[in-house]
Amino acid sequence: MMQEAQLPQVTLESWQDCPPEQRDHLRAELIKKYTPLIKLVAMRIIRKLPPQIELDDLINTGVLGMMDAIEKYDPNRDIKFETYAEFRIRGAILDELRSLDWVPRSIRSRLNELERTYQELEAKLGRPATDDEVAHAMNLSQDEYFELVNKANGVTLVSLDDLGNKSGNNAAQKRNFLEYFRTPNQESVVSLMNMKEIKSILAEAIEDLPKNERFVVSMYYFDELTMKEIGLILGITESRVSQIHNKCIMRLRGKLKRRMSDIAS
């Protein structure tokens, strides 16, 4: 988690305890206080998006998430406000990106096919499929396969309507890795699983990943290195790290989908 900057003295407690006529002013002060957090979340997300998406638009949407966090935060729960707010900010931004639907339907369709292929081959082989095996199963050349994998950049972040879950304090305590496996404000079979179960499933799935994908997940989400830094460590290009990351997310989503399907059936 990010280091806390030096912030003004206005506190969430002062907002919650103040008379209704003063709340608008204090809410504005709280938003100003946490503006660095809003900007940081927006900047993390925009790195994975195409260039036509504007950072200022994400920040403006993040302000709405912060307002939602201020209104709904329960200080009696065992979670820091900054952690809860970060989760709400990210959720608001991702919801807005989904509503824009900037990903062409044809690309979504092909990426869904790619994800299904990962699932089917893993079930058949009992291990993660290699690039050659996936490309062959989809009747793609190596170049065509990697071109398709590259198109997953950003799409894996915002195209998760089939893996929805209601947002809540328990979910907000998890690291941002789980943003790839949930859709705030939607009901689905994920609600049948608690976050401990999901975390356990993902931990098992990560352990089964090919070695290079497991390294990328660990360094990107848990050591919080950038893709450029990971590339320097592994001796590969930043774009190659991005490819590995995209494949990893698709594999993990597929595994979680299968487990959810088992629970629902």
C-alpha atoms as a PDB file:
ATOM      1  CA  MET A   1       0.000   0.000   0.000  1.00  0.00           C
ATOM      2  CA  MET A   2       1.164   3.530  -0.721  1.00  0.00           C
ATOM      3  CA  GLN A   3       2.847   5.707   1.888  1.00  0.00           C
ATOM      4  CA  GLU A   4       0.556   8.304   3.415  1.00  0.00           C
ATOM      5  CA  ALA A   5       1.347  11.884   2.517  1.00  0.00           C
ATOM      6  CA  GLN A   6       1.152  14.725   5.021  1.00  0.00           C
ATOM      7  CA  LEU A   7      -2.524  15.657   5.035  1.00  0.00           C
ATOM      8  CA  PRO A   8      -4.591  18.506   6.493  1.00  0.00           C
ATOM      9  CA  GLN A   9      -6.068  18.055   9.971  1.00  0.00           C
ATOM     10  CA  VAL A  10      -9.663  17.589   8.834  1.00  0.00           C
ATOM     11  CA  THR A  11     -10.662  14.008   9.668  1.00  0.00           C
ATOM     12  CA  LEU A  12     -13.398  11.604   8.760  1.00  0.00           C
ATOM     13  CA  GLU A  13     -14.489  11.638  12.393  1.00  0.00           C
ATOM     14  CA  SER A  14     -14.985  15.411  12.273  1.00  0.00           C
ATOM     15  CA  TRP A  15     -17.191  15.003   9.179  1.00  0.00           C
ATOM     16  CA  GLN A  16     -19.261  12.231  10.757  1.00  0.00           C
ATOM     17  CA  ASP A  17     -19.774  14.223  13.960  1.00  0.00           C
ATOM     18  CA  CYS A  18     -20.513  17.614  12.402  1.00  0.00           C
ATOM     19  CA  PRO A  19     -24.022  19.127  11.977  1.00  0.00           C
ATOM     20  CA  PRO A  20     -25.698  18.449   8.594  1.00  0.00           C
ATOM     21  CA  GLU A  21     -25.351  22.072   7.499  1.00  0.00           C
ATOM     22  CA  GLN A  22     -21.543  21.817   7.743  1.00  0.00           C
ATOM     23  CA  ARG A  23     -21.133  18.488   6.011  1.00  0.00           C
ATOM     24  CA  ASP A  24     -20.847  19.811   2.441  1.00  0.00           C
ATOM     25  CA  HIS A  25     -17.908  21.991   3.410  1.00  0.00           C
ATOM     26  CA  LEU A  26     -16.128  19.253   5.354  1.00  0.00           C
ATOM     27  CA  ARG A  27     -16.767  16.723   2.587  1.00  0.00           C
ATOM     28  CA  ALA A  28     -15.054  19.067   0.140  1.00  0.00           C
ATOM     29  CA  GLU A  29     -12.128  19.393   2.539  1.00  0.00           C
ATOM     30  CA  LEU A  30     -11.847  15.624   2.862  1.00  0.00           C
ATOM     31  CA  ILE A  31     -11.843  15.223  -0.917  1.00  0.00           C
ATOM     32  CA  LYS A  32      -9.088  17.838  -1.140  1.00  0.00           C
ATOM     33  CA  LYS A  33      -7.183  16.014   1.583  1.00  0.00           C
ATOM     34  CA  TYR A  34      -7.293  12.709  -0.286  1.00  0.00           C
ATOM     35  CA  THR A  35      -6.784  14.084  -3.792  1.00  0.00           C
ATOM     36  CA  PRO A  36      -3.267  12.536  -3.956  1.00  0.00           C
ATOM     37  CA  LEU A  37      -4.827   9.117  -3.313  1.00  0.00           C
ATOM     38  CA  ILE A  38      -7.421   9.648  -6.065  1.00  0.00           C
ATOM     39  CA  LYS A  39      -4.711  10.680  -8.529  1.00  0.00           C
ATOM     40  CA  LEU A  40      -2.511   7.717  -7.604  1.00  0.00           C
ATOM     41  CA  VAL A  41      -5.303   5.187  -8.191  1.00  0.00           C
ATOM     42  CA  ALA A  42      -6.215   6.842 -11.505  1.00  0.00           C
ATOM     43  CA  MET A  43      -2.584   6.812 -12.661  1.00  0.00           C
ATOM     44  CA  ARG A  44      -2.234   3.116 -11.822  1.00  0.00           C
ATOM     45  CA  ILE A  45      -5.301   2.286 -13.885  1.00  0.00           C
ATOM     46  CA  ILE A  46      -4.540   4.469 -16.906  1.00  0.00           C
ATOM     47  CA  ARG A  47      -1.229   2.687 -17.462  1.00  0.00           C
ATOM     48  CA  LYS A  48      -3.261  -0.293 -18.666  1.00  0.00           C
ATOM     49  CA  LEU A  49      -5.622   1.659 -20.941  1.00  0.00           C
ATOM     50  CA  PRO A  50      -5.435   2.913 -24.538  1.00  0.00           C
ATOM     51  CA  PRO A  51      -4.223   6.486 -25.137  1.00  0.00           C
ATOM     52  CA  GLN A  52      -7.667   7.945 -25.887  1.00  0.00           C
ATOM     53  CA  ILE A  53      -8.621   7.621 -22.208  1.00  0.00           C
ATOM     54  CA  GLU A  54      -7.903  10.895 -20.375  1.00  0.00           C
ATOM     55  CA  LEU A  55      -6.350  10.903 -16.907  1.00  0.00           C
ATOM     56  CA  ASP A  56      -8.450  13.900 -15.828  1.00  0.00           C
ATOM     57  CA  ASP A  57     -11.632  11.973 -16.643  1.00  0.00           C
ATOM     58  CA  LEU A  58     -10.507   9.090 -14.435  1.00  0.00           C
ATOM     59  CA  ILE A  59      -9.637  11.478 -11.620  1.00  0.00           C
ATOM     60  CA  ASN A  60     -13.048  13.158 -11.839  1.00  0.00           C
ATOM     61  CA  THR A  61     -14.732   9.773 -11.624  1.00  0.00           C
ATOM     62  CA  GLY A  62     -12.455   8.845  -8.740  1.00  0.00           C
ATOM     63  CA  VAL A  63     -13.779  11.859  -6.826  1.00  0.00           C
ATOM     64  CA  LEU A  64     -17.234  10.264  -6.993  1.00  0.00           C
ATOM     65  CA  GLY A  65     -15.760   7.088  -5.545  1.00  0.00           C
ATOM     66  CA  MET A  66     -14.197   9.082  -2.731  1.00  0.00           C
ATOM     67  CA  MET A  67     -17.551  10.758  -1.986  1.00  0.00           C
ATOM     68  CA  ASP A  68     -19.129   7.306  -1.842  1.00  0.00           C
ATOM     69  CA  ALA A  69     -16.395   6.121   0.536  1.00  0.00           C
ATOM     70  CA  ILE A  70     -16.928   9.112   2.836  1.00  0.00           C
ATOM     71  CA  GLU A  71     -20.666   8.432   2.992  1.00  0.00           C
ATOM     72  CA  LYS A  72     -20.474   4.667   3.527  1.00  0.00           C
ATOM     73  CA  TYR A  73     -17.369   4.126   5.605  1.00  0.00           C
ATOM     74  CA  ASP A  74     -18.055   2.392   8.903  1.00  0.00           C
ATOM     75  CA  PRO A  75     -15.327   3.212  11.456  1.00  0.00           C
ATOM     76  CA  ASN A  76     -16.443   0.251  13.578  1.00  0.00           C
ATOM     77  CA  ARG A  77     -15.143  -2.164  10.962  1.00  0.00           C
ATOM     78  CA  ASP A  78     -11.554  -3.370  11.167  1.00  0.00           C
ATOM     79  CA  ILE A  79     -10.309  -1.541   8.085  1.00  0.00           C
ATOM     80  CA  LYS A  80      -8.483   1.746   7.527  1.00  0.00           C
ATOM     81  CA  PHE A  81     -10.416   4.461   5.742  1.00  0.00           C
ATOM     82  CA  GLU A  82      -7.602   4.910   3.196  1.00  0.00           C
ATOM     83  CA  THR A  83      -7.839   1.225   2.239  1.00  0.00           C
ATOM     84  CA  TYR A  84     -11.623   1.369   1.925  1.00  0.00           C
ATOM     85  CA  ALA A  85     -11.480   4.631  -0.040  1.00  0.00           C
ATOM     86  CA  GLU A  86      -8.879   3.268  -2.460  1.00  0.00           C
ATOM     87  CA  PHE A  87     -11.160   0.324  -3.165  1.00  0.00           C
ATOM     88  CA  ARG A  88     -14.183   2.589  -3.747  1.00  0.00           C
ATOM     89  CA  ILE A  89     -12.213   4.950  -5.987  1.00  0.00           C
ATOM     90  CA  ARG A  90     -10.993   2.083  -8.138  1.00  0.00           C
ATOM     91  CA  GLY A  91     -14.480   0.599  -8.308  1.00  0.00           C
ATOM     92  CA  ALA A  92     -15.997   3.887  -9.465  1.00  0.00           C
ATOM     93  CA  ILE A  93     -13.379   4.288 -12.188  1.00  0.00           C
ATOM     94  CA  LEU A  94     -13.776   0.717 -13.442  1.00  0.00           C
ATOM     95  CA  ASP A  95     -17.559   1.045 -13.497  1.00  0.00           C
ATOM     96  CA  GLU A  96     -17.240   4.187 -15.612  1.00  0.00           C
ATOM     97  CA  LEU A  97     -14.829   2.491 -18.008  1.00  0.00           C
ATOM     98  CA  ARG A  98     -17.239  -0.403 -18.445  1.00  0.00           C
ATOM     99  CA  SER A  99     -20.073   1.995 -19.223  1.00  0.00           C
ATOM    100  CA  LEU A 100     -17.979   3.610 -21.971  1.00  0.00           C
ATOM    101  CA  ASP A 101     -17.666   0.216 -23.713  1.00  0.00           C
ATOM    102  CA  TRP A 102     -14.629   1.392 -25.666  1.00  0.00           C
ATOM    103  CA  VAL A 103     -13.513  -2.152 -26.494  1.00  0.00           C
ATOM    104  CA  PRO A 104     -14.769  -3.282 -29.936  1.00  0.00           C
ATOM    105  CA  ARG A 105     -17.161  -6.219 -29.774  1.00  0.00           C
ATOM    106  CA  SER A 106     -15.007  -8.215 -32.183  1.00  0.00           C
ATOM    107  CA  ILE A 107     -12.008  -7.969 -29.842  1.00  0.00           C
ATOM    108  CA  ARG A 108     -14.097  -8.953 -26.827  1.00  0.00           C
ATOM    109  CA  SER A 109     -15.343 -11.976 -28.745  1.00  0.00           C
ATOM    110  CA  ARG A 110     -11.848 -13.106 -29.724  1.00  0.00           C
ATOM    111  CA  LEU A 111     -10.511 -12.610 -26.211  1.00  0.00           C
ATOM    112  CA  ASN A 112     -13.409 -14.598 -24.772  1.00  0.00           C
ATOM    113  CA  GLU A 113     -12.508 -17.354 -27.218  1.00  0.00           C
ATOM    114  CA  LEU A 114      -8.886 -17.164 -26.086  1.00  0.00           C
ATOM    115  CA  GLU A 115      -9.917 -17.444 -22.454  1.00  0.00           C
ATOM    116  CA  ARG A 116     -12.155 -20.441 -23.213  1.00  0.00           C
ATOM    117  CA  THR A 117      -9.263 -22.096 -25.022  1.00  0.00           C
ATOM    118  CA  TYR A 118      -7.042 -21.691 -21.962  1.00  0.00           C
ATOM    119  CA  GLN A 119      -9.786 -23.252 -19.829  1.00  0.00           C
ATOM    120  CA  GLU A 120     -10.455 -26.188 -22.145  1.00  0.00           C
ATOM    121  CA  LEU A 121      -6.794 -27.040 -22.695  1.00  0.00           C
ATOM    122  CA  GLU A 122      -5.984 -26.841 -18.983  1.00  0.00           C
ATOM    123  CA  ALA A 123      -8.896 -29.151 -18.183  1.00  0.00           C
ATOM    124  CA  LYS A 124      -7.768 -31.565 -20.899  1.00  0.00           C
ATOM    125  CA  LEU A 125      -4.033 -31.474 -20.188  1.00  0.00           C
ATOM    126  CA  GLY A 126      -4.159 -31.130 -16.420  1.00  0.00           C
ATOM    127  CA  ARG A 127      -1.567 -28.325 -16.599  1.00  0.00           C
ATOM    128  CA  PRO A 128      -1.235 -24.806 -18.041  1.00  0.00           C
ATOM    129  CA  ALA A 129      -1.211 -24.870 -21.837  1.00  0.00           C
ATOM    130  CA  THR A 130       1.840 -23.578 -23.678  1.00  0.00           C
ATOM    131  CA  ASP A 131       1.709 -20.727 -26.174  1.00  0.00           C
ATOM    132  CA  ASP A 132       2.176 -23.181 -29.039  1.00  0.00           C
ATOM    133  CA  GLU A 133      -0.698 -25.358 -27.822  1.00  0.00           C
ATOM    134  CA  VAL A 134      -3.087 -22.424 -27.472  1.00  0.00           C
ATOM    135  CA  ALA A 135      -2.137 -20.985 -30.851  1.00  0.00           C
ATOM    136  CA  HIS A 136      -2.607 -24.395 -32.507  1.00  0.00           C
ATOM    137  CA  ALA A 137      -5.999 -24.921 -30.852  1.00  0.00           C
ATOM    138  CA  MET A 138      -7.183 -21.554 -32.193  1.00  0.00           C
ATOM    139  CA  ASN A 139      -5.649 -22.125 -35.655  1.00  0.00           C
ATOM    140  CA  LEU A 140      -3.426 -19.080 -35.195  1.00  0.00           C
ATOM    141  CA  SER A 141       0.172 -18.466 -36.139  1.00  0.00           C
ATOM    142  CA  GLN A 142       2.539 -17.450 -33.357  1.00  0.00           C
ATOM    143  CA  ASP A 143       2.431 -13.841 -34.529  1.00  0.00           C
ATOM    144  CA  GLU A 144      -1.384 -13.839 -34.648  1.00  0.00           C
ATOM    145  CA  TYR A 145      -1.555 -15.413 -31.199  1.00  0.00           C
ATOM    146  CA  PHE A 146       0.715 -12.844 -29.568  1.00  0.00           C
ATOM    147  CA  GLU A 147      -1.085 -10.021 -31.365  1.00  0.00           C
ATOM    148  CA  LEU A 148      -4.328 -11.245 -29.780  1.00  0.00           C
ATOM    149  CA  VAL A 149      -2.695 -11.515 -26.351  1.00  0.00           C
ATOM    150  CA  ASN A 150      -1.469  -7.933 -26.688  1.00  0.00           C
ATOM    151  CA  LYS A 151      -5.026  -6.768 -27.330  1.00  0.00           C
ATOM    152  CA  ALA A 152      -5.982  -8.030 -23.896  1.00  0.00           C
ATOM    153  CA  ASN A 153      -4.082  -5.140 -22.320  1.00  0.00           C
ATOM    154  CA  GLY A 154      -6.680  -3.069 -20.520  1.00  0.00           C
ATOM    155  CA  VAL A 155      -9.566  -5.330 -21.544  1.00  0.00           C
ATOM    156  CA  THR A 156      -8.772  -7.738 -18.715  1.00  0.00           C
ATOM    157  CA  LEU A 157      -9.093  -4.788 -16.366  1.00  0.00           C
ATOM    158  CA  VAL A 158     -12.605  -3.720 -17.276  1.00  0.00           C
ATOM    159  CA  SER A 159     -14.328  -6.661 -18.986  1.00  0.00           C
ATOM    160  CA  LEU A 160     -15.345  -8.713 -15.978  1.00  0.00           C
ATOM    161  CA  ASP A 161     -19.136  -8.453 -15.890  1.00  0.00           C
ATOM    162  CA  ASP A 162     -19.424 -12.237 -15.648  1.00  0.00           C
ATOM    163  CA  LEU A 163     -17.345 -12.309 -12.463  1.00  0.00           C
ATOM    164  CA  GLY A 164     -19.380  -9.822 -10.445  1.00  0.00           C
ATOM    165  CA  ASN A 165     -19.571  -9.369  -6.705  1.00  0.00           C
ATOM    166  CA  LYS A 166     -21.107  -6.875  -4.359  1.00  0.00           C
ATOM    167  CA  SER A 167     -18.579  -4.498  -2.898  1.00  0.00           C
ATOM    168  CA  GLY A 168     -18.083  -4.441   0.830  1.00  0.00           C
ATOM    169  CA  ASN A 169     -15.665  -3.915   3.671  1.00  0.00           C
ATOM    170  CA  ASN A 170     -14.337  -7.465   3.580  1.00  0.00           C
ATOM    171  CA  ALA A 171     -13.533  -7.207  -0.120  1.00  0.00           C
ATOM    172  CA  ALA A 172     -11.979  -3.802   0.400  1.00  0.00           C
ATOM    173  CA  GLN A 173      -9.344  -5.309   2.669  1.00  0.00           C
ATOM    174  CA  LYS A 174      -7.872  -7.339  -0.191  1.00  0.00           C
ATOM    175  CA  ARG A 175      -5.032  -6.185  -2.363  1.00  0.00           C
ATOM    176  CA  ASN A 176      -5.726  -4.624  -5.737  1.00  0.00           C
ATOM    177  CA  PHE A 177      -4.996  -7.956  -7.435  1.00  0.00           C
ATOM    178  CA  LEU A 178      -8.626  -8.921  -6.850  1.00  0.00           C
ATOM    179  CA  GLU A 179      -9.898  -6.027  -8.970  1.00  0.00           C
ATOM    180  CA  TYR A 180      -9.467  -8.334 -11.938  1.00  0.00           C
ATOM    181  CA  PHE A 181     -11.931 -10.834 -10.553  1.00  0.00           C
ATOM    182  CA  ARG A 182     -14.861  -8.704  -9.437  1.00  0.00           C
ATOM    183  CA  THR A 183     -17.350  -6.167 -10.685  1.00  0.00           C
ATOM    184  CA  PRO A 184     -18.663  -3.778  -8.014  1.00  0.00           C
ATOM    185  CA  ASN A 185     -22.419  -3.289  -7.675  1.00  0.00           C
ATOM    186  CA  GLN A 186     -23.459  -6.529  -9.401  1.00  0.00           C
ATOM    187  CA  GLU A 187     -24.829  -9.798  -8.022  1.00  0.00           C
ATOM    188  CA  SER A 188     -23.542 -13.140  -9.232  1.00  0.00           C
ATOM    189  CA  VAL A 189     -22.420 -16.534  -8.058  1.00  0.00           C
ATOM    190  CA  VAL A 190     -19.338 -14.919  -6.497  1.00  0.00           C
ATOM    191  CA  SER A 191     -21.642 -13.820  -3.701  1.00  0.00           C
ATOM    192  CA  LEU A 192     -21.820 -17.510  -2.740  1.00  0.00           C
ATOM    193  CA  MET A 193     -18.120 -17.488  -2.059  1.00  0.00           C
ATOM    194  CA  ASN A 194     -16.439 -15.474   0.633  1.00  0.00           C
ATOM    195  CA  MET A 195     -13.254 -13.611  -0.144  1.00  0.00           C
ATOM    196  CA  LYS A 196     -11.212 -16.117   1.856  1.00  0.00           C
ATOM    197  CA  GLU A 197     -12.326 -18.862  -0.522  1.00  0.00           C
ATOM    198  CA  ILE A 198     -11.545 -16.744  -3.570  1.00  0.00           C
ATOM    199  CA  LYS A 199      -8.121 -15.885  -2.204  1.00  0.00           C
ATOM    200  CA  SER A 200      -7.452 -19.575  -1.554  1.00  0.00           C
ATOM    201  CA  ILE A 201      -8.503 -20.551  -5.088  1.00  0.00           C
ATOM    202  CA  LEU A 202      -6.329 -17.853  -6.618  1.00  0.00           C
ATOM    203  CA  ALA A 203      -3.361 -18.812  -4.439  1.00  0.00           C
ATOM    204  CA  GLU A 204      -3.635 -22.383  -5.717  1.00  0.00           C
ATOM    205  CA  ALA A 205      -4.044 -21.170  -9.303  1.00  0.00           C
ATOM    206  CA  ILE A 206      -1.004 -18.889  -9.019  1.00  0.00           C
ATOM    207  CA  GLU A 207       1.067 -21.796  -7.713  1.00  0.00           C
ATOM    208  CA  ASP A 208       0.115 -23.779 -10.847  1.00  0.00           C
ATOM    209  CA  LEU A 209       1.165 -20.999 -13.250  1.00  0.00           C
ATOM    210  CA  PRO A 210       4.249 -21.380 -15.431  1.00  0.00           C
ATOM    211  CA  LYS A 211       7.308 -20.065 -13.623  1.00  0.00           C
ATOM    212  CA  ASN A 212       7.658 -16.810 -15.567  1.00  0.00           C
ATOM    213  CA  GLU A 213       3.975 -15.941 -15.104  1.00  0.00           C
ATOM    214  CA  ARG A 214       4.187 -16.687 -11.380  1.00  0.00           C
ATOM    215  CA  PHE A 215       7.167 -14.339 -11.085  1.00  0.00           C
ATOM    216  CA  VAL A 216       5.335 -11.555 -12.928  1.00  0.00           C
ATOM    217  CA  VAL A 217       2.259 -11.859 -10.686  1.00  0.00           C
ATOM    218  CA  SER A 218       4.377 -11.806  -7.547  1.00  0.00           C
ATOM    219  CA  MET A 219       6.507  -8.837  -8.568  1.00  0.00           C
ATOM    220  CA  TYR A 220       3.702  -6.780 -10.080  1.00  0.00           C
ATOM    221  CA  TYR A 221       0.985  -7.230  -7.459  1.00  0.00           C
ATOM    222  CA  PHE A 222       2.805  -8.057  -4.259  1.00  0.00           C
ATOM    223  CA  ASP A 223       6.198  -6.347  -4.680  1.00  0.00           C
ATOM    224  CA  GLU A 224       4.407  -3.549  -6.618  1.00  0.00           C
ATOM    225  CA  LEU A 225       7.120  -3.230  -9.259  1.00  0.00           C
ATOM    226  CA  THR A 226       6.319  -1.654 -12.612  1.00  0.00           C
ATOM    227  CA  MET A 227       6.347  -3.759 -15.777  1.00  0.00           C
ATOM    228  CA  LYS A 228       9.486  -1.940 -16.873  1.00  0.00           C
ATOM    229  CA  GLU A 229      11.238  -2.858 -13.616  1.00  0.00           C
ATOM    230  CA  ILE A 230      10.117  -6.474 -13.928  1.00  0.00           C
ATOM    231  CA  GLY A 231      11.453  -6.574 -17.470  1.00  0.00           C
ATOM    232  CA  LEU A 232      14.859  -5.390 -16.281  1.00  0.00           C
ATOM    233  CA  ILE A 233      14.940  -8.095 -13.590  1.00  0.00           C
ATOM    234  CA  LEU A 234      13.897 -10.879 -15.973  1.00  0.00           C
ATOM    235  CA  GLY A 235      15.948  -9.592 -18.902  1.00  0.00           C
ATOM    236  CA  ILE A 236      12.940  -9.156 -21.200  1.00  0.00           C
ATOM    237  CA  THR A 237      11.125  -6.179 -22.717  1.00  0.00           C
ATOM    238  CA  GLU A 238       8.312  -4.311 -21.012  1.00  0.00           C
ATOM    239  CA  SER A 239       5.918  -5.395 -23.792  1.00  0.00           C
ATOM    240  CA  ARG A 240       6.843  -9.032 -23.149  1.00  0.00           C
ATOM    241  CA  VAL A 241       6.059  -8.563 -19.446  1.00  0.00           C
ATOM    242  CA  SER A 242       2.683  -7.147 -20.477  1.00  0.00           C
ATOM    243  CA  GLN A 243       2.025 -10.234 -22.626  1.00  0.00           C
ATOM    244  CA  ILE A 244       2.872 -12.553 -19.749  1.00  0.00           C
ATOM    245  CA  HIS A 245       0.650 -10.552 -17.416  1.00  0.00           C
ATOM    246  CA  ASN A 246      -2.318 -10.740 -19.807  1.00  0.00           C
ATOM    247  CA  LYS A 247      -1.962 -14.498 -20.244  1.00  0.00           C
ATOM    248  CA  CYS A 248      -1.726 -14.933 -16.493  1.00  0.00           C
ATOM    249  CA  ILE A 249      -4.913 -12.985 -15.811  1.00  0.00           C
ATOM    250  CA  MET A 250      -6.829 -15.031 -18.388  1.00  0.00           C
ATOM    251  CA  ARG A 251      -5.623 -18.297 -16.899  1.00  0.00           C
ATOM    252  CA  LEU A 252      -6.576 -17.234 -13.378  1.00  0.00           C
ATOM    253  CA  ARG A 253      -9.989 -15.917 -14.403  1.00  0.00           C
ATOM    254  CA  GLY A 254     -10.672 -19.200 -16.161  1.00  0.00           C
ATOM    255  CA  LYS A 255      -9.802 -21.190 -13.065  1.00  0.00           C
ATOM    256  CA  LEU A 256     -12.025 -19.030 -10.881  1.00  0.00           C
ATOM    257  CA  LYS A 257     -14.882 -19.332 -13.375  1.00  0.00           C
ATOM    258  CA  ARG A 258     -14.688 -23.122 -13.276  1.00  0.00           C
ATOM    259  CA  ARG A 259     -14.811 -23.164  -9.485  1.00  0.00           C
ATOM    260  CA  MET A 260     -17.764 -20.777  -9.443  1.00  0.00           C
ATOM    261  CA  SER A 261     -19.553 -22.912 -12.007  1.00  0.00           C
ATOM    262  CA  ASP A 262     -19.064 -25.950  -9.765  1.00  0.00           C
ATOM    263  CA  ILE A 263     -20.540 -24.060  -6.807  1.00  0.00           C
ATOM    264  CA  ALA A 264     -23.538 -22.827  -8.827  1.00  0.00           C
ATOM    265  CA  SER A 265     -24.377 -26.236 -10.295  1.00  0.00           C
END
